Amino acid sequence: MPKPTDAFEQKLAELETLVNELEAGELSLEDAMTKFERGIVLTRECQQSLSAAEQKVSQLIAQNSADETLPFNPEQ
């Protein structure tokens, strides 16, 4: 079963390919518009994945900061 990071990496790679194809300037207007639209979808999906990961990290930090911490003393 693929990990969520695998899906993100695949979408990011596809987005990079689309950008390179669009920057090359060798596509017809219709093909360029189709690839641009796909790029918008991929960008939104990647942003959603990053937002979800950011929320998870924030939750983990909040959970860990609730634990008692001790000051670091290098002489001990």
PDB file of N, CA and C in Angstrom:
ATOM      1  N   MET A   1       0.845  -1.181   0.000  1.00  0.00           N
ATOM      2  CA  MET A   1       0.000   0.000   0.000  1.00  0.00           C
ATOM      3  C   MET A   1       0.888   1.241   0.000  1.00  0.00           C
ATOM      4  N   PRO A   2       0.657   2.189  -0.940  1.00  0.00           N
ATOM      5  CA  PRO A   2       1.501   3.378  -0.993  1.00  0.00           C
ATOM      6  C   PRO A   2       1.275   4.285   0.206  1.00  0.00           C
ATOM      7  N   LYS A   3       2.362   4.901   0.637  1.00  0.00           N
ATOM      8  CA  LYS A   3       2.300   5.851   1.743  1.00  0.00           C
ATOM      9  C   LYS A   3       1.791   7.189   1.212  1.00  0.00           C
ATOM     10  N   PRO A   4       1.185   8.018   2.085  1.00  0.00           N
ATOM     11  CA  PRO A   4       0.734   9.343   1.633  1.00  0.00           C
ATOM     12  C   PRO A   4       1.863  10.180   1.040  1.00  0.00           C
ATOM     13  N   THR A   5       3.082  10.000   1.560  1.00  0.00           N
ATOM     14  CA  THR A   5       4.201  10.767   1.010  1.00  0.00           C
ATOM     15  C   THR A   5       4.522  10.343  -0.415  1.00  0.00           C
ATOM     16  N   ASP A   6       4.264   9.053  -0.737  1.00  0.00           N
ATOM     17  CA  ASP A   6       4.488   8.595  -2.106  1.00  0.00           C
ATOM     18  C   ASP A   6       3.547   9.314  -3.066  1.00  0.00           C
ATOM     19  N   ALA A   7       2.282   9.444  -2.670  1.00  0.00           N
ATOM     20  CA  ALA A   7       1.305  10.137  -3.511  1.00  0.00           C
ATOM     21  C   ALA A   7       1.700  11.594  -3.695  1.00  0.00           C
ATOM     22  N   PHE A   8       2.149  12.226  -2.610  1.00  0.00           N
ATOM     23  CA  PHE A   8       2.582  13.617  -2.693  1.00  0.00           C
ATOM     24  C   PHE A   8       3.765  13.749  -3.645  1.00  0.00           C
ATOM     25  N   GLU A   9       4.736  12.869  -3.493  1.00  0.00           N
ATOM     26  CA  GLU A   9       5.929  12.919  -4.353  1.00  0.00           C
ATOM     27  C   GLU A   9       5.565  12.699  -5.818  1.00  0.00           C
ATOM     28  N   GLN A  10       4.627  11.800  -6.085  1.00  0.00           N
ATOM     29  CA  GLN A  10       4.194  11.548  -7.466  1.00  0.00           C
ATOM     30  C   GLN A  10       3.515  12.779  -8.054  1.00  0.00           C
ATOM     31  N   LYS A  11       2.658  13.419  -7.252  1.00  0.00           N
ATOM     32  CA  LYS A  11       1.977  14.622  -7.724  1.00  0.00           C
ATOM     33  C   LYS A  11       2.976  15.744  -7.967  1.00  0.00           C
ATOM     34  N   LEU A  12       3.928  15.882  -7.082  1.00  0.00           N
ATOM     35  CA  LEU A  12       4.943  16.916  -7.240  1.00  0.00           C
ATOM     36  C   LEU A  12       5.790  16.665  -8.496  1.00  0.00           C
ATOM     37  N   ALA A  13       6.140  15.414  -8.738  1.00  0.00           N
ATOM     38  CA  ALA A  13       6.918  15.073  -9.934  1.00  0.00           C
ATOM     39  C   ALA A  13       6.116  15.362 -11.198  1.00  0.00           C
ATOM     40  N   GLU A  14       4.835  15.017 -11.177  1.00  0.00           N
ATOM     41  CA  GLU A  14       3.981  15.299 -12.342  1.00  0.00           C
ATOM     42  C   GLU A  14       3.879  16.805 -12.565  1.00  0.00           C
ATOM     43  N   LEU A  15       3.751  17.556 -11.484  1.00  0.00           N
ATOM     44  CA  LEU A  15       3.673  19.007 -11.590  1.00  0.00           C
ATOM     45  C   LEU A  15       4.955  19.586 -12.192  1.00  0.00           C
ATOM     46  N   GLU A  16       6.092  19.072 -11.762  1.00  0.00           N
ATOM     47  CA  GLU A  16       7.374  19.534 -12.320  1.00  0.00           C
ATOM     48  C   GLU A  16       7.460  19.240 -13.815  1.00  0.00           C
ATOM     49  N   THR A  17       6.983  18.072 -14.216  1.00  0.00           N
ATOM     50  CA  THR A  17       6.981  17.713 -15.635  1.00  0.00           C
ATOM     51  C   THR A  17       6.096  18.666 -16.429  1.00  0.00           C
ATOM     52  N   LEU A  18       4.909  18.957 -15.881  1.00  0.00           N
ATOM     53  CA  LEU A  18       3.994  19.883 -16.558  1.00  0.00           C
ATOM     54  C   LEU A  18       4.626  21.263 -16.707  1.00  0.00           C
ATOM     55  N   VAL A  19       5.258  21.738 -15.673  1.00  0.00           N
ATOM     56  CA  VAL A  19       5.897  23.056 -15.725  1.00  0.00           C
ATOM     57  C   VAL A  19       6.983  23.076 -16.801  1.00  0.00           C
ATOM     58  N   ASN A  20       7.789  22.034 -16.850  1.00  0.00           N
ATOM     59  CA  ASN A  20       8.848  21.967 -17.874  1.00  0.00           C
ATOM     60  C   ASN A  20       8.262  21.964 -19.279  1.00  0.00           C
ATOM     61  N   GLU A  21       7.166  21.213 -19.474  1.00  0.00           N
ATOM     62  CA  GLU A  21       6.528  21.162 -20.792  1.00  0.00           C
ATOM     63  C   GLU A  21       5.954  22.526 -21.166  1.00  0.00           C
ATOM     64  N   LEU A  22       5.342  23.195 -20.194  1.00  0.00           N
ATOM     65  CA  LEU A  22       4.767  24.514 -20.472  1.00  0.00           C
ATOM     66  C   LEU A  22       5.869  25.542 -20.749  1.00  0.00           C
ATOM     67  N   GLU A  23       6.956  25.471 -20.001  1.00  0.00           N
ATOM     68  CA  GLU A  23       8.051  26.421 -20.200  1.00  0.00           C
ATOM     69  C   GLU A  23       8.759  26.221 -21.538  1.00  0.00           C
ATOM     70  N   ALA A  24       8.728  24.995 -22.050  1.00  0.00           N
ATOM     71  CA  ALA A  24       9.374  24.726 -23.333  1.00  0.00           C
ATOM     72  C   ALA A  24       8.691  25.487 -24.463  1.00  0.00           C
ATOM     73  N   GLY A  25       7.396  25.764 -24.298  1.00  0.00           N
ATOM     74  CA  GLY A  25       6.682  26.570 -25.281  1.00  0.00           C
ATOM     75  C   GLY A  25       6.396  25.881 -26.595  1.00  0.00           C
ATOM     76  N   GLU A  26       6.422  24.562 -26.622  1.00  0.00           N
ATOM     77  CA  GLU A  26       6.207  23.840 -27.871  1.00  0.00           C
ATOM     78  C   GLU A  26       4.827  23.208 -27.965  1.00  0.00           C
ATOM     79  N   LEU A  27       3.935  23.517 -27.035  1.00  0.00           N
ATOM     80  CA  LEU A  27       2.598  22.939 -27.019  1.00  0.00           C
ATOM     81  C   LEU A  27       1.620  23.837 -27.756  1.00  0.00           C
ATOM     82  N   SER A  28       0.581  23.212 -28.287  1.00  0.00           N
ATOM     83  CA  SER A  28      -0.497  24.012 -28.861  1.00  0.00           C
ATOM     84  C   SER A  28      -1.220  24.712 -27.718  1.00  0.00           C
ATOM     85  N   LEU A  29      -1.971  25.722 -28.040  1.00  0.00           N
ATOM     86  CA  LEU A  29      -2.707  26.457 -27.008  1.00  0.00           C
ATOM     87  C   LEU A  29      -3.642  25.520 -26.247  1.00  0.00           C
ATOM     88  N   GLU A  30      -4.315  24.654 -26.974  1.00  0.00           N
ATOM     89  CA  GLU A  30      -5.248  23.714 -26.336  1.00  0.00           C
ATOM     90  C   GLU A  30      -4.525  22.769 -25.379  1.00  0.00           C
ATOM     91  N   ASP A  31      -3.394  22.214 -25.823  1.00  0.00           N
ATOM     92  CA  ASP A  31      -2.617  21.319 -24.949  1.00  0.00           C
ATOM     93  C   ASP A  31      -2.060  22.067 -23.744  1.00  0.00           C
ATOM     94  N   ALA A  32      -1.611  23.291 -23.974  1.00  0.00           N
ATOM     95  CA  ALA A  32      -1.073  24.094 -22.879  1.00  0.00           C
ATOM     96  C   ALA A  32      -2.150  24.380 -21.841  1.00  0.00           C
ATOM     97  N   MET A  33      -3.350  24.701 -22.281  1.00  0.00           N
ATOM     98  CA  MET A  33      -4.451  24.967 -21.359  1.00  0.00           C
ATOM     99  C   MET A  33      -4.823  23.710 -20.568  1.00  0.00           C
ATOM    100  N   THR A  34      -4.835  22.562 -21.222  1.00  0.00           N
ATOM    101  CA  THR A  34      -5.147  21.301 -20.549  1.00  0.00           C
ATOM    102  C   THR A  34      -4.094  21.000 -19.482  1.00  0.00           C
ATOM    103  N   LYS A  35      -2.836  21.181 -19.822  1.00  0.00           N
ATOM    104  CA  LYS A  35      -1.758  20.923 -18.859  1.00  0.00           C
ATOM    105  C   LYS A  35      -1.770  21.954 -17.735  1.00  0.00           C
ATOM    106  N   PHE A  36      -2.093  23.199 -18.065  1.00  0.00           N
ATOM    107  CA  PHE A  36      -2.189  24.231 -17.038  1.00  0.00           C
ATOM    108  C   PHE A  36      -3.294  23.901 -16.040  1.00  0.00           C
ATOM    109  N   GLU A  37      -4.447  23.472 -16.545  1.00  0.00           N
ATOM    110  CA  GLU A  37      -5.558  23.089 -15.672  1.00  0.00           C
ATOM    111  C   GLU A  37      -5.172  21.922 -14.772  1.00  0.00           C
ATOM    112  N   ARG A  38      -4.473  20.947 -15.318  1.00  0.00           N
ATOM    113  CA  ARG A  38      -4.008  19.808 -14.518  1.00  0.00           C
ATOM    114  C   ARG A  38      -3.025  20.295 -13.455  1.00  0.00           C
ATOM    115  N   GLY A  39      -2.188  21.228 -13.816  1.00  0.00           N
ATOM    116  CA  GLY A  39      -1.234  21.784 -12.869  1.00  0.00           C
ATOM    117  C   GLY A  39      -1.916  22.481 -11.704  1.00  0.00           C
ATOM    118  N   ILE A  40      -3.007  23.172 -11.985  1.00  0.00           N
ATOM    119  CA  ILE A  40      -3.770  23.835 -10.919  1.00  0.00           C
ATOM    120  C   ILE A  40      -4.325  22.797  -9.954  1.00  0.00           C
ATOM    121  N   VAL A  41      -4.881  21.714 -10.485  1.00  0.00           N
ATOM    122  CA  VAL A  41      -5.429  20.639  -9.642  1.00  0.00           C
ATOM    123  C   VAL A  41      -4.319  20.038  -8.779  1.00  0.00           C
ATOM    124  N   LEU A  42      -3.188  19.744  -9.385  1.00  0.00           N
ATOM    125  CA  LEU A  42      -2.068  19.164  -8.643  1.00  0.00           C
ATOM    126  C   LEU A  42      -1.557  20.111  -7.564  1.00  0.00           C
ATOM    127  N   THR A  43      -1.496  21.390  -7.875  1.00  0.00           N
ATOM    128  CA  THR A  43      -1.037  22.382  -6.903  1.00  0.00           C
ATOM    129  C   THR A  43      -1.960  22.404  -5.694  1.00  0.00           C
ATOM    130  N   ARG A  44      -3.254  22.399  -5.935  1.00  0.00           N
ATOM    131  CA  ARG A  44      -4.222  22.400  -4.831  1.00  0.00           C
ATOM    132  C   ARG A  44      -4.088  21.136  -3.985  1.00  0.00           C
ATOM    133  N   GLU A  45      -3.939  20.000  -4.640  1.00  0.00           N
ATOM    134  CA  GLU A  45      -3.808  18.739  -3.904  1.00  0.00           C
ATOM    135  C   GLU A  45      -2.532  18.715  -3.061  1.00  0.00           C
ATOM    136  N   CYS A  46      -1.451  19.223  -3.617  1.00  0.00           N
ATOM    137  CA  CYS A  46      -0.189  19.284  -2.861  1.00  0.00           C
ATOM    138  C   CYS A  46      -0.315  20.248  -1.683  1.00  0.00           C
ATOM    139  N   GLN A  47      -0.976  21.365  -1.894  1.00  0.00           N
ATOM    140  CA  GLN A  47      -1.170  22.325  -0.805  1.00  0.00           C
ATOM    141  C   GLN A  47      -2.007  21.718   0.319  1.00  0.00           C
ATOM    142  N   GLN A  48      -3.024  20.946  -0.042  1.00  0.00           N
ATOM    143  CA  GLN A  48      -3.853  20.285   0.962  1.00  0.00           C
ATOM    144  C   GLN A  48      -3.029  19.274   1.754  1.00  0.00           C
ATOM    145  N   SER A  49      -2.188  18.525   1.059  1.00  0.00           N
ATOM    146  CA  SER A  49      -1.333  17.550   1.740  1.00  0.00           C
ATOM    147  C   SER A  49      -0.374  18.238   2.702  1.00  0.00           C
ATOM    148  N   LEU A  50       0.209  19.342   2.266  1.00  0.00           N
ATOM    149  CA  LEU A  50       1.131  20.088   3.127  1.00  0.00           C
ATOM    150  C   LEU A  50       0.410  20.690   4.331  1.00  0.00           C
ATOM    151  N   SER A  51      -0.789  21.192   4.126  1.00  0.00           N
ATOM    152  CA  SER A  51      -1.569  21.746   5.235  1.00  0.00           C
ATOM    153  C   SER A  51      -1.903  20.671   6.262  1.00  0.00           C
ATOM    154  N   ALA A  52      -2.283  19.492   5.777  1.00  0.00           N
ATOM    155  CA  ALA A  52      -2.596  18.381   6.685  1.00  0.00           C
ATOM    156  C   ALA A  52      -1.358  17.968   7.476  1.00  0.00           C
ATOM    157  N   ALA A  53      -0.216  17.918   6.819  1.00  0.00           N
ATOM    158  CA  ALA A  53       1.028  17.565   7.509  1.00  0.00           C
ATOM    159  C   ALA A  53       1.388  18.631   8.540  1.00  0.00           C
ATOM    160  N   GLU A  54       1.197  19.890   8.197  1.00  0.00           N
ATOM    161  CA  GLU A  54       1.492  20.977   9.122  1.00  0.00           C
ATOM    162  C   GLU A  54       0.597  20.890  10.362  1.00  0.00           C
ATOM    163  N   GLN A  55      -0.675  20.579  10.167  1.00  0.00           N
ATOM    164  CA  GLN A  55      -1.594  20.440  11.296  1.00  0.00           C
ATOM    165  C   GLN A  55      -1.175  19.282  12.196  1.00  0.00           C
ATOM    166  N   LYS A  56      -0.760  18.194  11.580  1.00  0.00           N
ATOM    167  CA  LYS A  56      -0.331  17.030  12.363  1.00  0.00           C
ATOM    168  C   LYS A  56       0.910  17.373  13.193  1.00  0.00           C
ATOM    169  N   VAL A  57       1.861  18.051  12.586  1.00  0.00           N
ATOM    170  CA  VAL A  57       3.075  18.457  13.304  1.00  0.00           C
ATOM    171  C   VAL A  57       2.707  19.388  14.459  1.00  0.00           C
ATOM    172  N   SER A  58       1.810  20.322  14.212  1.00  0.00           N
ATOM    173  CA  SER A  58       1.375  21.243  15.275  1.00  0.00           C
ATOM    174  C   SER A  58       0.734  20.484  16.429  1.00  0.00           C
ATOM    175  N   GLN A  59      -0.077  19.486  16.108  1.00  0.00           N
ATOM    176  CA  GLN A  59      -0.702  18.677  17.155  1.00  0.00           C
ATOM    177  C   GLN A  59       0.340  17.909  17.955  1.00  0.00           C
ATOM    178  N   LEU A  60       1.317  17.343  17.276  1.00  0.00           N
ATOM    179  CA  LEU A  60       2.365  16.593  17.968  1.00  0.00           C
ATOM    180  C   LEU A  60       3.187  17.512  18.873  1.00  0.00           C
ATOM    181  N   ILE A  61       3.494  18.696  18.391  1.00  0.00           N
ATOM    182  CA  ILE A  61       4.250  19.648  19.209  1.00  0.00           C
ATOM    183  C   ILE A  61       3.434  20.044  20.434  1.00  0.00           C
ATOM    184  N   ALA A  62       2.145  20.297  20.232  1.00  0.00           N
ATOM    185  CA  ALA A  62       1.281  20.684  21.355  1.00  0.00           C
ATOM    186  C   ALA A  62       1.195  19.559  22.387  1.00  0.00           C
ATOM    187  N   GLN A  63       1.101  18.326  21.930  1.00  0.00           N
ATOM    188  CA  GLN A  63       1.037  17.186  22.850  1.00  0.00           C
ATOM    189  C   GLN A  63       2.336  17.055  23.635  1.00  0.00           C
ATOM    190  N   ASN A  64       3.447  17.220  22.974  1.00  0.00           N
ATOM    191  CA  ASN A  64       4.748  17.073  23.626  1.00  0.00           C
ATOM    192  C   ASN A  64       5.080  18.249  24.533  1.00  0.00           C
ATOM    193  N   SER A  65       4.572  19.418  24.231  1.00  0.00           N
ATOM    194  CA  SER A  65       4.874  20.564  25.084  1.00  0.00           C
ATOM    195  C   SER A  65       4.083  20.502  26.389  1.00  0.00           C
ATOM    196  N   ALA A  66       3.050  19.682  26.415  1.00  0.00           N
ATOM    197  CA  ALA A  66       2.277  19.512  27.648  1.00  0.00           C
ATOM    198  C   ALA A  66       3.055  18.676  28.664  1.00  0.00           C
ATOM    199  N   ASP A  67       4.011  17.890  28.201  1.00  0.00           N
ATOM    200  CA  ASP A  67       4.846  17.098  29.105  1.00  0.00           C
ATOM    201  C   ASP A  67       5.789  18.020  29.873  1.00  0.00           C
ATOM    202  N   GLU A  68       6.165  17.591  31.069  1.00  0.00           N
ATOM    203  CA  GLU A  68       7.090  18.390  31.872  1.00  0.00           C
ATOM    204  C   GLU A  68       8.476  18.271  31.260  1.00  0.00           C
ATOM    205  N   THR A  69       9.129  19.404  31.103  1.00  0.00           N
ATOM    206  CA  THR A  69      10.495  19.405  30.585  1.00  0.00           C
ATOM    207  C   THR A  69      11.448  19.825  31.671  1.00  0.00           C
ATOM    208  N   LEU A  70      12.643  19.309  31.595  1.00  0.00           N
ATOM    209  CA  LEU A  70      13.684  19.651  32.554  1.00  0.00           C
ATOM    210  C   LEU A  70      14.722  20.503  31.868  1.00  0.00           C
ATOM    211  N   PRO A  71      15.293  21.470  32.555  1.00  0.00           N
ATOM    212  CA  PRO A  71      16.340  22.289  31.923  1.00  0.00           C
ATOM    213  C   PRO A  71      17.590  21.452  31.673  1.00  0.00           C
ATOM    214  N   PHE A  72      18.255  21.785  30.593  1.00  0.00           N
ATOM    215  CA  PHE A  72      19.476  21.090  30.237  1.00  0.00           C
ATOM    216  C   PHE A  72      20.621  21.593  31.103  1.00  0.00           C
ATOM    217  N   ASN A  73      21.344  20.645  31.690  1.00  0.00           N
ATOM    218  CA  ASN A  73      22.506  20.998  32.485  1.00  0.00           C
ATOM    219  C   ASN A  73      23.659  20.115  32.010  1.00  0.00           C
ATOM    220  N   PRO A  74      24.564  20.665  31.218  1.00  0.00           N
ATOM    221  CA  PRO A  74      25.640  19.850  30.650  1.00  0.00           C
ATOM    222  C   PRO A  74      26.633  19.317  31.698  1.00  0.00           C
ATOM    223  N   GLU A  75      26.630  19.866  32.882  1.00  0.00           N
ATOM    224  CA  GLU A  75      27.588  19.439  33.912  1.00  0.00           C
ATOM    225  C   GLU A  75      27.131  18.199  34.669  1.00  0.00           C
ATOM    226  N   GLN A  76      25.904  17.761  34.464  1.00  0.00           N
ATOM    227  CA  GLN A  76      25.407  16.582  35.166  1.00  0.00           C
ATOM    228  C   GLN A  76      25.803  15.313  34.477  1.00  0.00           C
TER     229      GLN A  76
END
